[in-house]
PDB file of N, CA and C in Angstrom:
ATOM      1  N   UNK A   1       0.888  -1.183  -0.033  1.00  0.00           N
ATOM      2  CA  UNK A   1       0.069  -0.008  -0.043  1.00  0.00           C
ATOM      3  C   UNK A   1       0.941   1.099   0.004  1.00  0.00           C
ATOM      4  N   UNK A   2       0.640   2.120  -0.865  1.00  0.00           N
ATOM      5  CA  UNK A   2       1.422   3.416  -1.072  1.00  0.00           C
ATOM      6  C   UNK A   2       0.486   4.513  -0.862  1.00  0.00           C
ATOM      7  N   UNK A   3       0.982   5.392   0.099  1.00  0.00           N
ATOM      8  CA  UNK A   3       0.131   6.571   0.396  1.00  0.00           C
ATOM      9  C   UNK A   3       0.995   7.896  -0.150  1.00  0.00           C
ATOM     10  N   UNK A   4       0.125   8.858  -0.764  1.00  0.00           N
ATOM     11  CA  UNK A   4       0.610  10.022  -1.351  1.00  0.00           C
ATOM     12  C   UNK A   4      -0.134  11.297  -0.793  1.00  0.00           C
ATOM     13  N   UNK A   5       0.589  12.302  -0.732  1.00  0.00           N
ATOM     14  CA  UNK A   5      -0.044  13.576  -0.360  1.00  0.00           C
ATOM     15  C   UNK A   5      -0.889  13.533   1.172  1.00  0.00           C
ATOM     16  N   UNK A   6      -1.987  13.961   1.111  1.00  0.00           N
ATOM     17  CA  UNK A   6      -2.608  13.915   2.269  1.00  0.00           C
ATOM     18  C   UNK A   6      -2.998  12.562   2.805  1.00  0.00           C
ATOM     19  N   UNK A   7      -2.986  11.556   2.117  1.00  0.00           N
ATOM     20  CA  UNK A   7      -3.175  10.091   2.607  1.00  0.00           C
ATOM     21  C   UNK A   7      -1.783   9.804   3.431  1.00  0.00           C
ATOM     22  N   UNK A   8      -0.705  10.164   2.976  1.00  0.00           N
ATOM     23  CA  UNK A   8       0.547  10.008   3.692  1.00  0.00           C
ATOM     24  C   UNK A   8       0.571  10.838   4.995  1.00  0.00           C
ATOM     25  N   UNK A   9       0.227  12.156   4.839  1.00  0.00           N
ATOM     26  CA  UNK A   9       0.099  12.865   6.183  1.00  0.00           C
ATOM     27  C   UNK A   9      -0.807  12.300   7.191  1.00  0.00           C
ATOM     28  N   UNK A  10      -2.010  11.809   6.737  1.00  0.00           N
ATOM     29  CA  UNK A  10      -3.048  11.383   7.611  1.00  0.00           C
ATOM     30  C   UNK A  10      -2.473   9.974   8.300  1.00  0.00           C
ATOM     31  N   UNK A  11      -1.860   9.108   7.562  1.00  0.00           N
ATOM     32  CA  UNK A  11      -1.418   7.913   8.139  1.00  0.00           C
ATOM     33  C   UNK A  11      -0.069   8.019   8.791  1.00  0.00           C
ATOM     34  N   UNK A  12       0.551   9.030   8.568  1.00  0.00           N
ATOM     35  CA  UNK A  12       2.077   9.273   8.905  1.00  0.00           C
ATOM     36  C   UNK A  12       2.923   8.161   8.389  1.00  0.00           C
ATOM     37  N   UNK A  13       2.636   7.582   7.258  1.00  0.00           N
ATOM     38  CA  UNK A  13       3.303   6.797   6.523  1.00  0.00           C
ATOM     39  C   UNK A  13       3.330   6.897   4.957  1.00  0.00           C
ATOM     40  N   UNK A  14       4.371   6.413   4.372  1.00  0.00           N
ATOM     41  CA  UNK A  14       4.402   6.512   2.936  1.00  0.00           C
ATOM     42  C   UNK A  14       4.004   5.186   2.322  1.00  0.00           C
ATOM     43  N   UNK A  15       4.100   4.093   3.049  1.00  0.00           N
ATOM     44  CA  UNK A  15       3.716   2.876   2.764  1.00  0.00           C
ATOM     45  C   UNK A  15       3.496   1.883   3.861  1.00  0.00           C
ATOM     46  N   UNK A  16       2.853   0.749   3.657  1.00  0.00           N
ATOM     47  CA  UNK A  16       2.693  -0.264   4.611  1.00  0.00           C
ATOM     48  C   UNK A  16       2.228  -1.558   3.837  1.00  0.00           C
ATOM     49  N   UNK A  17       2.291  -2.679   4.575  1.00  0.00           N
ATOM     50  CA  UNK A  17       1.786  -3.886   4.035  1.00  0.00           C
ATOM     51  C   UNK A  17       0.396  -4.201   4.736  1.00  0.00           C
ATOM     52  N   UNK A  18      -0.532  -4.621   3.768  1.00  0.00           N
ATOM     53  CA  UNK A  18      -1.826  -5.043   4.415  1.00  0.00           C
ATOM     54  C   UNK A  18      -1.960  -6.580   4.218  1.00  0.00           C
ATOM     55  N   UNK A  19      -2.799  -7.210   4.965  1.00  0.00           N
ATOM     56  CA  UNK A  19      -3.087  -8.682   4.818  1.00  0.00           C
ATOM     57  C   UNK A  19      -3.749  -8.981   3.476  1.00  0.00           C
ATOM     58  N   UNK A  20      -3.379  -9.788   2.835  1.00  0.00           N
ATOM     59  CA  UNK A  20      -3.933 -10.381   1.562  1.00  0.00           C
ATOM     60  C   UNK A  20      -4.146 -11.756   1.511  1.00  0.00           C
ATOM     61  N   UNK A  21      -5.237 -12.217   0.705  1.00  0.00           N
ATOM     62  CA  UNK A  21      -5.977 -11.556  -0.160  1.00  0.00           C
ATOM     63  C   UNK A  21      -6.910 -10.477   0.574  1.00  0.00           C
ATOM     64  N   UNK A  22      -7.324  -9.354  -0.067  1.00  0.00           N
ATOM     65  CA  UNK A  22      -8.242  -8.501   0.444  1.00  0.00           C
ATOM     66  C   UNK A  22      -9.112  -8.014  -0.571  1.00  0.00           C
ATOM     67  N   UNK A  23     -10.395  -8.261  -0.462  1.00  0.00           N
ATOM     68  CA  UNK A  23     -11.421  -7.756  -1.611  1.00  0.00           C
ATOM     69  C   UNK A  23     -11.147  -6.368  -1.682  1.00  0.00           C
ATOM     70  N   UNK A  24     -11.458  -5.779  -2.817  1.00  0.00           N
ATOM     71  CA  UNK A  24     -11.304  -4.321  -3.047  1.00  0.00           C
ATOM     72  C   UNK A  24     -12.441  -3.631  -2.225  1.00  0.00           C
ATOM     73  N   UNK A  25     -13.726  -4.368  -2.191  1.00  0.00           N
ATOM     74  CA  UNK A  25     -14.712  -3.841  -1.499  1.00  0.00           C
ATOM     75  C   UNK A  25     -14.441  -3.573   0.041  1.00  0.00           C
ATOM     76  N   UNK A  26     -13.491  -4.245   0.552  1.00  0.00           N
ATOM     77  CA  UNK A  26     -13.021  -4.050   1.917  1.00  0.00           C
ATOM     78  C   UNK A  26     -11.916  -3.012   2.220  1.00  0.00           C
ATOM     79  N   UNK A  27     -11.353  -2.555   1.068  1.00  0.00           N
ATOM     80  CA  UNK A  27     -10.181  -1.757   1.203  1.00  0.00           C
ATOM     81  C   UNK A  27     -10.408  -0.482   2.146  1.00  0.00           C
ATOM     82  N   UNK A  28     -11.431   0.237   1.757  1.00  0.00           N
ATOM     83  CA  UNK A  28     -11.713   1.433   2.526  1.00  0.00           C
ATOM     84  C   UNK A  28     -11.998   1.114   4.033  1.00  0.00           C
ATOM     85  N   UNK A  29     -12.942   0.173   4.188  1.00  0.00           N
ATOM     86  CA  UNK A  29     -13.213  -0.324   5.622  1.00  0.00           C
ATOM     87  C   UNK A  29     -11.945  -0.786   6.299  1.00  0.00           C
ATOM     88  N   UNK A  30     -11.188  -1.456   5.751  1.00  0.00           N
ATOM     89  CA  UNK A  30      -9.955  -1.800   6.499  1.00  0.00           C
ATOM     90  C   UNK A  30      -8.944  -0.567   6.901  1.00  0.00           C
ATOM     91  N   UNK A  31      -8.953   0.348   5.951  1.00  0.00           N
ATOM     92  CA  UNK A  31      -8.192   1.539   6.202  1.00  0.00           C
ATOM     93  C   UNK A  31      -8.883   2.246   7.323  1.00  0.00           C
ATOM     94  N   UNK A  32     -10.115   2.357   7.297  1.00  0.00           N
ATOM     95  CA  UNK A  32     -10.954   3.225   8.276  1.00  0.00           C
ATOM     96  C   UNK A  32     -10.659   2.545   9.778  1.00  0.00           C
ATOM     97  N   UNK A  33     -10.723   1.261   9.670  1.00  0.00           N
ATOM     98  CA  UNK A  33     -10.392   0.568  10.992  1.00  0.00           C
ATOM     99  C   UNK A  33      -9.038   0.991  11.508  1.00  0.00           C
ATOM    100  N   UNK A  34      -8.007   1.069  10.622  1.00  0.00           N
ATOM    101  CA  UNK A  34      -6.652   1.489  11.236  1.00  0.00           C
ATOM    102  C   UNK A  34      -6.575   2.956  11.450  1.00  0.00           C
ATOM    103  N   UNK A  35      -7.231   3.866  10.628  1.00  0.00           N
ATOM    104  CA  UNK A  35      -6.983   5.302  10.701  1.00  0.00           C
ATOM    105  C   UNK A  35      -8.424   5.862  10.751  1.00  0.00           C
ATOM    106  N   UNK A  36      -8.894   5.972  12.070  1.00  0.00           N
ATOM    107  CA  UNK A  36     -10.236   6.606  12.207  1.00  0.00           C
ATOM    108  C   UNK A  36     -10.465   7.984  11.589  1.00  0.00           C
ATOM    109  N   UNK A  37     -11.468   7.922  10.771  1.00  0.00           N
ATOM    110  CA  UNK A  37     -11.734   9.250  10.036  1.00  0.00           C
ATOM    111  C   UNK A  37     -11.179   9.453   8.608  1.00  0.00           C
ATOM    112  N   UNK A  38     -10.317   8.310   8.291  1.00  0.00           N
ATOM    113  CA  UNK A  38      -9.738   8.607   6.989  1.00  0.00           C
ATOM    114  C   UNK A  38     -10.544   8.485   5.733  1.00  0.00           C
ATOM    115  N   UNK A  39     -11.629   7.677   5.854  1.00  0.00           N
ATOM    116  CA  UNK A  39     -12.547   7.524   4.695  1.00  0.00           C
ATOM    117  C   UNK A  39     -13.184   9.048   4.389  1.00  0.00           C
ATOM    118  N   UNK A  40     -13.815   9.755   5.350  1.00  0.00           N
ATOM    119  CA  UNK A  40     -14.576  10.754   5.082  1.00  0.00           C
ATOM    120  C   UNK A  40     -13.472  12.022   4.632  1.00  0.00           C
ATOM    121  N   UNK A  41     -12.308  12.005   5.335  1.00  0.00           N
ATOM    122  CA  UNK A  41     -11.346  13.099   5.086  1.00  0.00           C
ATOM    123  C   UNK A  41     -10.458  12.932   4.003  1.00  0.00           C
ATOM    124  N   UNK A  42     -10.164  11.622   3.481  1.00  0.00           N
ATOM    125  CA  UNK A  42      -9.150  11.476   2.525  1.00  0.00           C
ATOM    126  C   UNK A  42      -9.906  10.604   1.332  1.00  0.00           C
ATOM    127  N   UNK A  43     -10.270   9.398   1.703  1.00  0.00           N
ATOM    128  CA  UNK A  43     -10.542   8.300   0.692  1.00  0.00           C
ATOM    129  C   UNK A  43     -11.729   8.569  -0.132  1.00  0.00           C
ATOM    130  N   UNK A  44     -12.706   9.364   0.249  1.00  0.00           N
ATOM    131  CA  UNK A  44     -13.874   9.546  -0.645  1.00  0.00           C
ATOM    132  C   UNK A  44     -13.527  10.462  -1.826  1.00  0.00           C
ATOM    133  N   UNK A  45     -12.408  11.038  -1.827  1.00  0.00           N
ATOM    134  CA  UNK A  45     -12.082  11.990  -2.746  1.00  0.00           C
ATOM    135  C   UNK A  45     -10.672  11.646  -3.617  1.00  0.00           C
ATOM    136  N   UNK A  46     -10.284  10.409  -3.276  1.00  0.00           N
ATOM    137  CA  UNK A  46      -9.017   9.985  -3.772  1.00  0.00           C
ATOM    138  C   UNK A  46      -9.150   8.974  -5.004  1.00  0.00           C
ATOM    139  N   UNK A  47      -8.031   8.875  -5.788  1.00  0.00           N
ATOM    140  CA  UNK A  47      -8.047   7.806  -6.758  1.00  0.00           C
ATOM    141  C   UNK A  47      -7.297   6.637  -6.053  1.00  0.00           C
ATOM    142  N   UNK A  48      -7.548   5.427  -6.778  1.00  0.00           N
ATOM    143  CA  UNK A  48      -6.975   4.201  -6.186  1.00  0.00           C
ATOM    144  C   UNK A  48      -6.290   3.482  -7.516  1.00  0.00           C
ATOM    145  N   UNK A  49      -5.047   3.120  -7.308  1.00  0.00           N
ATOM    146  CA  UNK A  49      -4.633   2.244  -8.373  1.00  0.00           C
ATOM    147  C   UNK A  49      -4.321   0.857  -7.764  1.00  0.00           C
ATOM    148  N   UNK A  50      -4.397  -0.178  -8.564  1.00  0.00           N
ATOM    149  CA  UNK A  50      -3.951  -1.449  -8.265  1.00  0.00           C
ATOM    150  C   UNK A  50      -2.967  -2.023  -9.479  1.00  0.00           C
ATOM    151  N   UNK A  51      -1.687  -2.186  -9.059  1.00  0.00           N
ATOM    152  CA  UNK A  51      -0.673  -2.505 -10.137  1.00  0.00           C
ATOM    153  C   UNK A  51      -0.562  -1.461 -11.259  1.00  0.00           C
ATOM    154  N   UNK A  52      -0.663  -0.227 -10.813  1.00  0.00           N
ATOM    155  CA  UNK A  52      -0.657   0.883 -11.746  1.00  0.00           C
ATOM    156  C   UNK A  52      -1.778   1.194 -12.584  1.00  0.00           C
ATOM    157  N   UNK A  53      -2.820   0.477 -12.359  1.00  0.00           N
ATOM    158  CA  UNK A  53      -4.097   0.786 -13.190  1.00  0.00           C
ATOM    159  C   UNK A  53      -5.127   1.311 -12.199  1.00  0.00           C
ATOM    160  N   UNK A  54      -5.703   2.462 -12.780  1.00  0.00           N
ATOM    161  CA  UNK A  54      -6.798   3.076 -11.870  1.00  0.00           C
ATOM    162  C   UNK A  54      -7.977   2.227 -11.729  1.00  0.00           C
ATOM    163  N   UNK A  55      -8.649   2.029 -10.411  1.00  0.00           N
ATOM    164  CA  UNK A  55      -9.770   1.280 -10.242  1.00  0.00           C
ATOM    165  C   UNK A  55     -10.661   2.274  -9.539  1.00  0.00           C
ATOM    166  N   UNK A  56     -12.047   2.039  -9.907  1.00  0.00           N
ATOM    167  CA  UNK A  56     -13.109   2.648  -9.351  1.00  0.00           C
ATOM    168  C   UNK A  56     -13.539   1.797  -8.210  1.00  0.00           C
ATOM    169  N   UNK A  57     -13.207   2.255  -6.997  1.00  0.00           N
ATOM    170  CA  UNK A  57     -13.491   1.425  -5.735  1.00  0.00           C
ATOM    171  C   UNK A  57     -14.963   0.778  -5.818  1.00  0.00           C
ATOM    172  N   UNK A  58     -15.936   1.683  -5.855  1.00  0.00           N
ATOM    173  CA  UNK A  58     -17.475   1.098  -6.040  1.00  0.00           C
ATOM    174  C   UNK A  58     -17.577   0.056  -7.067  1.00  0.00           C
ATOM    175  N   UNK A  59     -17.146   0.411  -8.272  1.00  0.00           N
ATOM    176  CA  UNK A  59     -17.239  -0.522  -9.388  1.00  0.00           C
ATOM    177  C   UNK A  59     -16.432  -1.758  -9.286  1.00  0.00           C
ATOM    178  N   UNK A  60     -15.196  -1.516  -8.667  1.00  0.00           N
ATOM    179  CA  UNK A  60     -14.293  -2.726  -8.643  1.00  0.00           C
ATOM    180  C   UNK A  60     -14.772  -3.731  -7.500  1.00  0.00           C
ATOM    181  N   UNK A  61     -15.362  -2.988  -6.478  1.00  0.00           N
ATOM    182  CA  UNK A  61     -16.065  -3.941  -5.515  1.00  0.00           C
ATOM    183  C   UNK A  61     -17.195  -4.750  -6.043  1.00  0.00           C
ATOM    184  N   UNK A  62     -17.909  -4.109  -6.850  1.00  0.00           N
ATOM    185  CA  UNK A  62     -19.053  -4.869  -7.485  1.00  0.00           C
ATOM    186  C   UNK A  62     -18.495  -5.926  -8.415  1.00  0.00           C
ATOM    187  N   UNK A  63     -17.443  -5.740  -9.031  1.00  0.00           N
ATOM    188  CA  UNK A  63     -16.714  -6.777  -9.907  1.00  0.00           C
ATOM    189  C   UNK A  63     -16.126  -7.859  -9.279  1.00  0.00           C
ATOM    190  N   UNK A  64     -15.962  -7.919  -7.953  1.00  0.00           N
ATOM    191  CA  UNK A  64     -15.316  -8.863  -7.109  1.00  0.00           C
ATOM    192  C   UNK A  64     -13.843  -8.831  -7.306  1.00  0.00           C
ATOM    193  N   UNK A  65     -13.286  -7.496  -7.568  1.00  0.00           N
ATOM    194  CA  UNK A  65     -11.860  -7.553  -7.695  1.00  0.00           C
ATOM    195  C   UNK A  65     -11.201  -7.726  -6.231  1.00  0.00           C
ATOM    196  N   UNK A  66     -10.044  -8.623  -6.160  1.00  0.00           N
ATOM    197  CA  UNK A  66      -9.313  -8.921  -5.041  1.00  0.00           C
ATOM    198  C   UNK A  66      -7.965  -8.463  -5.165  1.00  0.00           C
ATOM    199  N   UNK A  67      -7.467  -7.751  -3.985  1.00  0.00           N
ATOM    200  CA  UNK A  67      -6.053  -7.376  -3.959  1.00  0.00           C
ATOM    201  C   UNK A  67      -5.346  -8.587  -3.470  1.00  0.00           C
ATOM    202  N   UNK A  68      -4.332  -9.018  -4.237  1.00  0.00           N
ATOM    203  CA  UNK A  68      -3.589 -10.343  -3.832  1.00  0.00           C
ATOM    204  C   UNK A  68      -2.163  -9.931  -3.416  1.00  0.00           C
ATOM    205  N   UNK A  69      -1.577 -10.806  -2.653  1.00  0.00           N
ATOM    206  CA  UNK A  69      -0.169 -10.637  -2.176  1.00  0.00           C
ATOM    207  C   UNK A  69       0.644 -10.198  -3.224  1.00  0.00           C
ATOM    208  N   UNK A  70       1.588  -9.189  -3.058  1.00  0.00           N
ATOM    209  CA  UNK A  70       2.516  -8.645  -3.992  1.00  0.00           C
ATOM    210  C   UNK A  70       1.769  -7.592  -4.952  1.00  0.00           C
ATOM    211  N   UNK A  71       0.510  -7.424  -4.857  1.00  0.00           N
ATOM    212  CA  UNK A  71      -0.166  -6.225  -5.576  1.00  0.00           C
ATOM    213  C   UNK A  71       0.307  -4.922  -5.063  1.00  0.00           C
ATOM    214  N   UNK A  72       0.520  -3.960  -5.827  1.00  0.00           N
ATOM    215  CA  UNK A  72       0.777  -2.681  -5.419  1.00  0.00           C
ATOM    216  C   UNK A  72      -0.531  -1.799  -5.467  1.00  0.00           C
ATOM    217  N   UNK A  73      -0.823  -1.254  -4.455  1.00  0.00           N
ATOM    218  CA  UNK A  73      -2.154  -0.574  -4.180  1.00  0.00           C
ATOM    219  C   UNK A  73      -1.594   0.858  -3.930  1.00  0.00           C
ATOM    220  N   UNK A  74      -2.117   2.020  -4.477  1.00  0.00           N
ATOM    221  CA  UNK A  74      -1.739   3.294  -4.070  1.00  0.00           C
ATOM    222  C   UNK A  74      -2.932   4.148  -3.980  1.00  0.00           C
ATOM    223  N   UNK A  75      -2.942   4.933  -2.955  1.00  0.00           N
ATOM    224  CA  UNK A  75      -3.956   5.849  -2.675  1.00  0.00           C
ATOM    225  C   UNK A  75      -3.540   7.360  -3.127  1.00  0.00           C
ATOM    226  N   UNK A  76      -4.153   7.928  -3.946  1.00  0.00           N
ATOM    227  CA  UNK A  76      -3.811   9.179  -4.591  1.00  0.00           C
ATOM    228  C   UNK A  76      -4.629  10.196  -4.353  1.00  0.00           C
ATOM    229  N   UNK A  77      -4.602  11.045  -3.414  1.00  0.00           N
ATOM    230  CA  UNK A  77      -5.664  12.274  -3.238  1.00  0.00           C
ATOM    231  C   UNK A  77      -5.599  13.245  -4.282  1.00  0.00           C
ATOM    232  N   UNK A  78      -6.590  13.965  -4.454  1.00  0.00           N
ATOM    233  CA  UNK A  78      -6.609  15.073  -5.526  1.00  0.00           C
ATOM    234  C   UNK A  78      -5.329  15.925  -5.403  1.00  0.00           C
ATOM    235  N   UNK A  79      -4.764  16.361  -6.438  1.00  0.00           N
ATOM    236  CA  UNK A  79      -3.819  17.410  -6.511  1.00  0.00           C
ATOM    237  C   UNK A  79      -4.088  18.531  -7.341  1.00  0.00           C
ATOM    238  N   UNK A  80      -3.484  19.573  -6.989  1.00  0.00           N
ATOM    239  CA  UNK A  80      -3.703  20.776  -7.744  1.00  0.00           C
ATOM    240  C   UNK A  80      -2.435  21.401  -8.134  1.00  0.00           C
ATOM    241  N   UNK A  81      -2.280  22.077  -9.292  1.00  0.00           N
ATOM    242  CA  UNK A  81      -1.079  22.801  -9.627  1.00  0.00           C
ATOM    243  C   UNK A  81      -1.420  24.167 -10.098  1.00  0.00           C
ATOM    244  N   UNK A  82      -0.432  24.917 -10.052  1.00  0.00           N
ATOM    245  CA  UNK A  82      -0.655  26.433 -10.322  1.00  0.00           C
ATOM    246  C   UNK A  82       0.175  26.883 -11.339  1.00  0.00           C
TER     247      UNK A  82
END
């Protein structure tokens, strides 16, 4: 699991390992259990990648997508540039 920007600030980590396999549908719930409030403050507006491919968490959850051992998952909050 890789955390960027506000996700990294919220967790105080740039990366960590999560138990696998993990259904994509349980990803946000698992992170919320570890970091109370992260879902509303960070996750609801972020992008998620699995093995460098963007996934839509609600749609991926419905498709039965599973995060397996060795998969790279990244939480990428919205960014702005000027």
